[in-house]
Amino acid sequence: MGKGDSYIARWNVPLPDKVYVVELEHGSISGKRVIRLDGEEIYRKDWMFRLVGTDIFYIGENECAINIDSIKGLKFRYTLTMNGKPLEAFTDIQNKVLKTWCPSDDTVVVLDTQKIEIYVNGNAVEMESEFTEEGSEMRFFLTKGREATIKIVQDDKELQYYLKIDKQIIPPIITSD
């Protein structure tokens, strides 16, 4: 909750480069709307006659829409959609598309399996890909110049993804499906 007549809604949005925090400040009397992305203000309307409605903004190439609906009296429901999907459905898709590993306290590796892009600590990195007898491998460098490999292998049911650093296999972060 904000001060006075302001209400704040907050969402965590997982994307390949990082998890973004979206906040909405909504004046239930003035209609004021302020949207913040990771604490930085990206949208502001100080006075609006309509207390409800939709505000659209972007995180990278992803279209985001905050919907404000009246429930009863001066009570409101706030929902966030990503690329036209409710945040929960979008997050479920992201959990299936993004493979994530944390090989150390200061390193996060993410593979976007749809775009075939690798991110290290939120930054896209260059990689070399090659096909092997078992599947394919992608070689890239972590911070401090350490080489890493993501190996993709087809098992009986689905593709399996492995991160290998210094001949050690790093287990992925398991997300709920």
Protein backbone atom coordinates (compact mmCIF):
# COMPACT_ATOMS: atom_id res chain seq x y z
CA MET A 1 0.00 0.00 0.00
CA GLY A 2 1.13 3.51 -0.73
CA LYS A 3 0.35 6.70 1.15
CA GLY A 4 -3.08 8.30 1.26
CA ASP A 5 -5.23 7.22 -1.64
CA SER A 6 -2.44 5.33 -3.47
CA TYR A 7 -2.33 1.58 -3.90
CA ILE A 8 0.72 -0.30 -5.10
CA ALA A 9 0.80 -3.58 -6.98
CA ARG A 10 4.05 -5.47 -7.60
CA TRP A 11 5.01 -8.30 -9.96
CA ASN A 12 8.20 -10.26 -10.69
CA VAL A 13 8.69 -10.91 -14.42
CA PRO A 14 11.22 -13.61 -15.45
CA LEU A 15 13.00 -12.93 -18.74
CA PRO A 16 16.20 -14.45 -20.15
CA ASP A 17 18.44 -11.61 -19.02
CA LYS A 18 17.01 -11.25 -15.49
CA VAL A 19 13.90 -11.11 -13.32
CA TYR A 20 12.36 -7.65 -13.61
CA VAL A 21 10.28 -6.02 -10.87
CA VAL A 22 7.21 -4.09 -12.09
CA GLU A 23 5.41 -1.78 -9.66
CA LEU A 24 2.21 0.18 -10.12
CA GLU A 25 1.18 3.11 -7.95
CA HIS A 26 -2.50 3.92 -8.42
CA GLY A 27 -4.32 6.87 -6.90
CA SER A 28 -7.82 5.58 -6.22
CA ILE A 29 -9.25 9.12 -6.08
CA SER A 30 -7.08 11.05 -8.56
CA GLY A 31 -6.58 8.18 -10.99
CA LYS A 32 -2.83 8.87 -10.87
CA ARG A 33 -0.75 6.03 -12.31
CA VAL A 34 2.97 5.53 -11.94
CA ILE A 35 4.72 2.47 -13.35
CA ARG A 36 8.23 1.59 -12.20
CA LEU A 37 10.55 -0.99 -13.70
CA ASP A 38 13.25 -2.12 -11.25
CA GLY A 39 12.58 1.01 -9.20
CA GLU A 40 12.94 3.40 -12.16
CA GLU A 41 9.86 5.38 -13.18
CA ILE A 42 8.91 4.63 -16.80
CA TYR A 43 5.34 5.97 -16.95
CA ARG A 44 3.39 8.66 -15.10
CA LYS A 45 -0.07 10.18 -15.41
CA ASP A 46 -0.81 12.46 -12.47
CA TRP A 47 -4.50 13.07 -13.04
CA MET A 48 -6.90 10.82 -14.92
CA PHE A 49 -10.67 11.02 -14.96
CA ARG A 50 -10.95 7.27 -15.46
CA LEU A 51 -9.89 5.29 -12.41
CA VAL A 52 -9.82 2.03 -14.38
CA GLY A 53 -8.20 1.07 -17.66
CA THR A 54 -5.11 -0.42 -19.27
CA ASP A 55 -1.60 1.00 -19.48
CA ILE A 56 0.84 -0.54 -21.97
CA PHE A 57 4.63 -0.48 -21.78
CA TYR A 58 7.50 -2.67 -22.95
CA ILE A 59 10.27 -4.66 -21.35
CA GLY A 60 12.61 -5.22 -24.27
CA GLU A 61 10.47 -6.71 -27.04
CA ASN A 62 7.79 -7.91 -24.63
CA GLU A 63 4.51 -5.99 -24.52
CA CYS A 64 3.25 -5.54 -20.97
CA ALA A 65 -0.22 -4.36 -20.01
CA ILE A 66 -1.36 -3.42 -16.53
CA ASN A 67 -5.13 -3.72 -16.25
CA ILE A 68 -6.98 -1.86 -13.51
CA ASP A 69 -10.53 -3.11 -12.93
CA SER A 70 -13.07 -1.91 -10.38
CA ILE A 71 -14.24 -4.64 -8.04
CA LYS A 72 -16.61 -2.82 -5.68
CA GLY A 73 -16.73 0.81 -4.67
CA LEU A 74 -13.18 2.11 -4.53
CA LYS A 75 -11.60 -1.34 -4.54
CA PHE A 76 -9.56 -2.40 -7.53
CA ARG A 77 -8.02 -5.49 -9.09
CA TYR A 78 -4.63 -5.12 -10.75
CA THR A 79 -3.42 -7.66 -13.33
CA LEU A 80 -0.32 -7.79 -15.50
CA THR A 81 -0.29 -9.44 -18.91
CA MET A 82 2.83 -10.20 -20.93
CA ASN A 83 2.51 -10.54 -24.70
CA GLY A 84 -1.25 -10.91 -24.25
CA LYS A 85 -1.00 -13.69 -21.64
CA PRO A 86 -1.67 -13.46 -17.91
CA LEU A 87 1.61 -13.23 -16.00
CA GLU A 88 1.14 -16.73 -14.53
CA ALA A 89 0.77 -18.31 -18.00
CA PHE A 90 3.70 -16.26 -19.33
CA THR A 91 5.85 -17.39 -16.37
CA ASP A 92 4.91 -21.04 -17.00
CA ILE A 93 6.03 -20.68 -20.62
CA GLN A 94 9.26 -18.96 -19.55
CA ASN A 95 9.98 -21.79 -17.11
CA LYS A 96 9.74 -24.26 -20.00
CA VAL A 97 11.74 -22.14 -22.46
CA LEU A 98 14.53 -20.90 -20.17
CA LYS A 99 17.09 -23.30 -18.72
CA THR A 100 18.97 -21.75 -15.78
CA TRP A 101 22.12 -22.68 -13.87
CA CYS A 102 23.97 -21.01 -10.98
CA PRO A 103 27.52 -22.40 -11.11
CA SER A 104 28.64 -19.97 -8.38
CA ASP A 105 27.28 -17.28 -6.09
CA ASP A 106 28.17 -14.56 -8.61
CA THR A 107 27.31 -16.31 -11.89
CA VAL A 108 23.96 -17.13 -13.51
CA VAL A 109 23.78 -18.86 -16.91
CA VAL A 110 20.50 -18.88 -18.86
CA LEU A 111 19.79 -20.66 -22.14
CA ASP A 112 16.80 -19.39 -24.11
CA THR A 113 15.84 -22.60 -25.93
CA GLN A 114 13.55 -20.81 -28.41
CA LYS A 115 16.03 -18.19 -29.57
CA ILE A 116 19.11 -20.37 -28.88
CA GLU A 117 20.79 -17.54 -26.99
CA ILE A 118 22.96 -17.79 -23.88
CA TYR A 119 23.06 -15.14 -21.15
CA VAL A 120 25.72 -14.88 -18.45
CA ASN A 121 24.70 -12.61 -15.59
CA GLY A 122 22.07 -11.01 -17.83
CA ASN A 123 24.37 -10.33 -20.80
CA ALA A 124 24.05 -12.18 -24.10
CA VAL A 125 27.31 -13.95 -24.94
CA GLU A 126 28.77 -15.22 -28.20
CA MET A 127 28.93 -18.96 -28.62
CA GLU A 128 30.11 -21.62 -31.03
CA SER A 129 27.70 -24.45 -31.82
CA GLU A 130 28.45 -27.85 -33.22
CA PHE A 131 26.59 -31.10 -33.71
CA THR A 132 27.89 -34.20 -31.97
CA GLU A 133 26.96 -37.88 -32.08
CA GLU A 134 24.82 -37.39 -28.96
CA GLY A 135 23.18 -34.08 -29.93
CA SER A 136 24.75 -30.63 -29.95
CA GLU A 137 27.14 -28.50 -27.91
CA MET A 138 27.43 -24.76 -27.44
CA ARG A 139 30.74 -23.36 -26.20
CA PHE A 140 31.00 -19.92 -24.64
CA PHE A 141 32.95 -18.00 -22.03
CA LEU A 142 31.89 -17.07 -18.53
CA THR A 143 33.19 -14.03 -16.74
CA LYS A 144 36.94 -14.17 -16.02
CA GLY A 145 37.48 -16.04 -19.32
CA ARG A 146 36.43 -19.49 -18.10
CA GLU A 147 35.13 -21.72 -20.88
CA ALA A 148 31.77 -23.45 -20.48
CA THR A 149 29.70 -25.83 -22.59
CA ILE A 150 25.98 -26.47 -22.78
CA LYS A 151 25.27 -29.92 -24.11
CA ILE A 152 21.84 -30.81 -25.53
CA VAL A 153 20.97 -34.51 -25.70
CA GLN A 154 17.74 -36.18 -26.84
CA ASP A 155 16.55 -38.89 -24.46
CA ASP A 156 13.47 -41.10 -24.92
CA LYS A 157 10.98 -38.34 -24.14
CA GLU A 158 12.55 -34.89 -24.39
CA LEU A 159 15.69 -32.83 -24.75
CA GLN A 160 18.06 -32.74 -21.78
CA TYR A 161 20.31 -29.73 -21.14
CA TYR A 162 23.65 -29.94 -19.31
CA LEU A 163 26.06 -27.17 -18.32
CA LYS A 164 29.69 -28.23 -18.05
CA ILE A 165 32.43 -26.06 -16.54
CA ASP A 166 35.97 -27.33 -15.89
CA LYS A 167 34.84 -30.92 -16.64
CA GLN A 168 32.17 -30.64 -13.94
CA ILE A 169 28.44 -30.93 -14.74
CA ILE A 170 26.40 -28.20 -13.02
CA PRO A 171 22.79 -29.13 -12.16
CA PRO A 172 20.09 -26.76 -13.44
CA ILE A 173 17.79 -24.77 -11.22
CA ILE A 174 14.55 -26.73 -11.15
CA THR A 175 11.43 -24.66 -11.73
CA SER A 176 7.91 -25.83 -11.01
CA ASP A 177 6.01 -26.89 -14.12
